[in-house]
C-alpha atoms as a PDB file:
ATOM      1  CA  MET A   1      14.339  90.304  11.944  1.00  0.00           C
ATOM      2  CA  ALA A   2      11.709  92.086   9.913  1.00  0.00           C
ATOM      3  CA  GLY A   3       9.113  89.815   8.398  1.00  0.00           C
ATOM      4  CA  ALA A   4      10.243  86.742  10.345  1.00  0.00           C
ATOM      5  CA  SER A   5       7.463  84.848  12.060  1.00  0.00           C
ATOM      6  CA  ALA A   6       7.645  82.834  15.235  1.00  0.00           C
ATOM      7  CA  PRO A   7       7.899  79.083  14.707  1.00  0.00           C
ATOM      8  CA  THR A   8       4.563  77.307  14.618  1.00  0.00           C
ATOM      9  CA  PRO A   9       3.965  75.479  17.874  1.00  0.00           C
ATOM     10  CA  CYS A  10       3.806  71.707  17.558  1.00  0.00           C
ATOM     11  CA  VAL A  11       0.176  70.608  17.838  1.00  0.00           C
ATOM     12  CA  PHE A  12       1.199  67.243  19.317  1.00  0.00           C
ATOM     13  CA  CYS A  13       3.365  68.959  21.967  1.00  0.00           C
ATOM     14  CA  GLU A  14       0.299  71.027  22.910  1.00  0.00           C
ATOM     15  CA  ILE A  15      -1.796  67.842  23.172  1.00  0.00           C
ATOM     16  CA  ALA A  16       0.936  66.131  25.233  1.00  0.00           C
ATOM     17  CA  ARG A  17       0.921  69.066  27.658  1.00  0.00           C
ATOM     18  CA  ASN A  18      -2.892  68.748  27.754  1.00  0.00           C
ATOM     19  CA  SER A  19      -3.233  72.352  26.602  1.00  0.00           C
ATOM     20  CA  THR A  20      -5.918  71.518  24.020  1.00  0.00           C
ATOM     21  CA  SER A  21      -9.421  70.135  24.212  1.00  0.00           C
ATOM     22  CA  THR A  22      -8.287  66.807  22.721  1.00  0.00           C
ATOM     23  CA  PRO A  23      -9.545  64.008  24.996  1.00  0.00           C
ATOM     24  CA  LEU A  24      -6.702  61.765  26.100  1.00  0.00           C
ATOM     25  CA  LEU A  25      -7.239  58.001  26.106  1.00  0.00           C
ATOM     26  CA  HIS A  26      -4.006  57.436  28.041  1.00  0.00           C
ATOM     27  CA  PHE A  27      -1.351  59.599  29.643  1.00  0.00           C
ATOM     28  CA  ASP A  28       1.717  58.967  31.719  1.00  0.00           C
ATOM     29  CA  ASP A  29       5.115  60.606  32.136  1.00  0.00           C
ATOM     30  CA  LYS A  30       6.384  59.228  28.786  1.00  0.00           C
ATOM     31  CA  VAL A  31       3.445  59.112  26.333  1.00  0.00           C
ATOM     32  CA  VAL A  32      -0.109  60.218  25.641  1.00  0.00           C
ATOM     33  CA  ALA A  33      -2.704  58.600  23.377  1.00  0.00           C
ATOM     34  CA  PHE A  34      -5.736  60.049  21.614  1.00  0.00           C
ATOM     35  CA  GLN A  35      -8.020  59.382  18.649  1.00  0.00           C
ATOM     36  CA  ASP A  36      -6.764  60.253  15.173  1.00  0.00           C
ATOM     37  CA  ILE A  37      -8.764  63.188  13.772  1.00  0.00           C
ATOM     38  CA  ARG A  38      -8.915  61.492  10.348  1.00  0.00           C
ATOM     39  CA  PRO A  39      -9.375  57.833  11.251  1.00  0.00           C
ATOM     40  CA  SER A  40      -8.481  55.168   8.696  1.00  0.00           C
ATOM     41  CA  ALA A  41     -10.256  52.464  10.700  1.00  0.00           C
ATOM     42  CA  PHE A  42     -13.145  52.155  13.168  1.00  0.00           C
ATOM     43  CA  ARG A  43     -10.564  52.396  15.962  1.00  0.00           C
ATOM     44  CA  HIS A  44      -7.540  54.537  15.045  1.00  0.00           C
ATOM     45  CA  TYR A  45      -5.427  55.966  17.839  1.00  0.00           C
ATOM     46  CA  LEU A  46      -2.150  57.851  17.965  1.00  0.00           C
ATOM     47  CA  VAL A  47       0.420  57.323  20.704  1.00  0.00           C
ATOM     48  CA  ILE A  48       2.984  60.108  20.995  1.00  0.00           C
ATOM     49  CA  PRO A  49       5.928  60.760  23.286  1.00  0.00           C
ATOM     50  CA  VAL A  50       5.513  63.633  25.739  1.00  0.00           C
ATOM     51  CA  ASP A  51       8.981  64.870  24.750  1.00  0.00           C
ATOM     52  CA  HIS A  52       9.269  66.303  21.250  1.00  0.00           C
ATOM     53  CA  ILE A  53      10.961  63.855  18.885  1.00  0.00           C
ATOM     54  CA  PRO A  54      10.439  64.987  15.273  1.00  0.00           C
ATOM     55  CA  THR A  55      10.402  61.657  13.382  1.00  0.00           C
ATOM     56  CA  VAL A  56      11.456  58.003  13.489  1.00  0.00           C
ATOM     57  CA  LYS A  57      14.706  59.105  11.847  1.00  0.00           C
ATOM     58  CA  ASP A  58      15.543  60.937  15.085  1.00  0.00           C
ATOM     59  CA  LEU A  59      15.480  57.716  17.101  1.00  0.00           C
ATOM     60  CA  GLN A  60      18.817  56.089  17.856  1.00  0.00           C
ATOM     61  CA  ARG A  61      19.865  52.535  18.660  1.00  0.00           C
ATOM     62  CA  ARG A  62      19.973  53.085  22.385  1.00  0.00           C
ATOM     63  CA  GLU A  63      18.084  51.546  25.296  1.00  0.00           C
ATOM     64  CA  GLU A  64      16.183  54.764  26.043  1.00  0.00           C
ATOM     65  CA  ASP A  65      14.675  54.950  22.531  1.00  0.00           C
ATOM     66  CA  TYR A  66      13.990  51.205  22.396  1.00  0.00           C
ATOM     67  CA  SER A  67      12.174  51.456  25.730  1.00  0.00           C
ATOM     68  CA  LEU A  68      10.111  54.432  24.510  1.00  0.00           C
ATOM     69  CA  VAL A  69       8.988  52.714  21.299  1.00  0.00           C
ATOM     70  CA  SER A  70       8.193  49.507  23.204  1.00  0.00           C
ATOM     71  CA  HIS A  71       6.115  51.511  25.671  1.00  0.00           C
ATOM     72  CA  MET A  72       4.287  53.303  22.824  1.00  0.00           C
ATOM     73  CA  LEU A  73       3.428  49.938  21.246  1.00  0.00           C
ATOM     74  CA  ASN A  74       2.324  48.481  24.579  1.00  0.00           C
ATOM     75  CA  VAL A  75      -0.001  51.436  25.233  1.00  0.00           C
ATOM     76  CA  GLY A  76      -1.488  51.125  21.721  1.00  0.00           C
ATOM     77  CA  GLN A  77      -2.003  47.375  22.061  1.00  0.00           C
ATOM     78  CA  THR A  78      -3.627  47.784  25.471  1.00  0.00           C
ATOM     79  CA  LEU A  79      -6.044  50.457  24.211  1.00  0.00           C
ATOM     80  CA  LEU A  80      -7.069  48.452  21.146  1.00  0.00           C
ATOM     81  CA  ARG A  81      -7.560  45.226  23.101  1.00  0.00           C
ATOM     82  CA  GLN A  82      -9.612  47.123  25.652  1.00  0.00           C
ATOM     83  CA  ASP A  83     -11.774  48.961  23.080  1.00  0.00           C
ATOM     84  CA  ALA A  84     -12.064  46.206  20.445  1.00  0.00           C
ATOM     85  CA  PRO A  85     -11.575  42.893  22.276  1.00  0.00           C
ATOM     86  CA  GLN A  86     -13.436  40.949  19.589  1.00  0.00           C
ATOM     87  CA  SER A  87     -10.857  41.879  16.951  1.00  0.00           C
ATOM     88  CA  SER A  88      -7.627  40.072  16.294  1.00  0.00           C
ATOM     89  CA  GLN A  89      -6.432  42.233  13.414  1.00  0.00           C
ATOM     90  CA  TYR A  90      -4.412  45.199  14.594  1.00  0.00           C
ATOM     91  CA  ARG A  91      -1.920  47.335  12.680  1.00  0.00           C
ATOM     92  CA  PHE A  92       0.769  49.580  14.135  1.00  0.00           C
ATOM     93  CA  GLY A  93       3.160  51.854  12.319  1.00  0.00           C
ATOM     94  CA  PHE A  94       5.120  55.053  11.949  1.00  0.00           C
ATOM     95  CA  HIS A  95       5.266  57.221   8.851  1.00  0.00           C
ATOM     96  CA  GLN A  96       8.688  57.767   7.322  1.00  0.00           C
ATOM     97  CA  PRO A  97       9.495  61.371   6.351  1.00  0.00           C
ATOM     98  CA  PRO A  98       8.353  63.004   4.122  1.00  0.00           C
ATOM     99  CA  LEU A  99       5.097  61.043   4.507  1.00  0.00           C
ATOM    100  CA  ASN A 100       4.451  62.254   8.059  1.00  0.00           C
ATOM    101  CA  SER A 101       1.824  64.965   8.403  1.00  0.00           C
ATOM    102  CA  VAL A 102       3.053  66.223  11.790  1.00  0.00           C
ATOM    103  CA  ASP A 103       6.713  66.552  12.755  1.00  0.00           C
ATOM    104  CA  HIS A 104       6.304  64.822  16.102  1.00  0.00           C
ATOM    105  CA  LEU A 105       6.844  61.091  16.415  1.00  0.00           C
ATOM    106  CA  HIS A 106       3.496  59.278  16.488  1.00  0.00           C
ATOM    107  CA  LEU A 107       2.522  55.629  16.380  1.00  0.00           C
ATOM    108  CA  HIS A 108      -0.642  54.789  14.451  1.00  0.00           C
ATOM    109  CA  CYS A 109      -2.657  52.050  16.183  1.00  0.00           C
ATOM    110  CA  LEU A 110      -5.565  50.626  14.177  1.00  0.00           C
ATOM    111  CA  VAL A 111      -8.143  47.851  14.321  1.00  0.00           C
ATOM    112  CA  LEU A 112      -8.921  46.413  10.877  1.00  0.00           C
ATOM    113  CA  PRO A 113     -10.785  46.672   8.582  1.00  0.00           C
ATOM    114  CA  PHE A 114      -9.724  50.007   7.150  1.00  0.00           C
ATOM    115  CA  ILE A 115     -12.403  52.578   6.368  1.00  0.00           C
ATOM    116  CA  PRO A 116     -12.733  53.110   2.590  1.00  0.00           C
ATOM    117  CA  ARG A 117     -11.766  56.671   1.668  1.00  0.00           C
ATOM    118  CA  GLN A 118     -14.139  58.846  -0.320  1.00  0.00           C
ATOM    119  CA  ARG A 119     -12.513  60.550  -3.262  1.00  0.00           C
ATOM    120  CA  ASP A 120     -12.720  64.329  -3.066  1.00  0.00           C
END
C-alpha cells in the first residue's frame, strides 16, 4: 500500500522485553515495573503485563485476568512498601480509555502526597 506506514511499536512492550534503557524495578514472567517518566508523586511506579493487553476494557471476568491484576497490585504494593515504608497512603489505579496515554494496560502505583503540577 503506497503511503501506508508500519504500526508504531508499543513502547511498553519494548520495555517489557527489556529492549530499552528503562531501568526495571521488578520483572518476572507476567509483569514488569518501572518508574513513571512523569511522576505525580514522590514515588510513582507503573506495573505492566509482559503480554500486550491494550486497556482495562480488554480484561474479562476470568480467573486468568483476575490473577494478573492481583499480581500487578501485589507487585506495586511490595515496591511501595519497600521504597517508602514510612508512608501509609498509597494509591493504585488504571486509566479508562480515552484517558490512557499508552495503549498497554498499566497500573499506576503512587505514594501520597501528590506532586503539585506546574501550569505550562
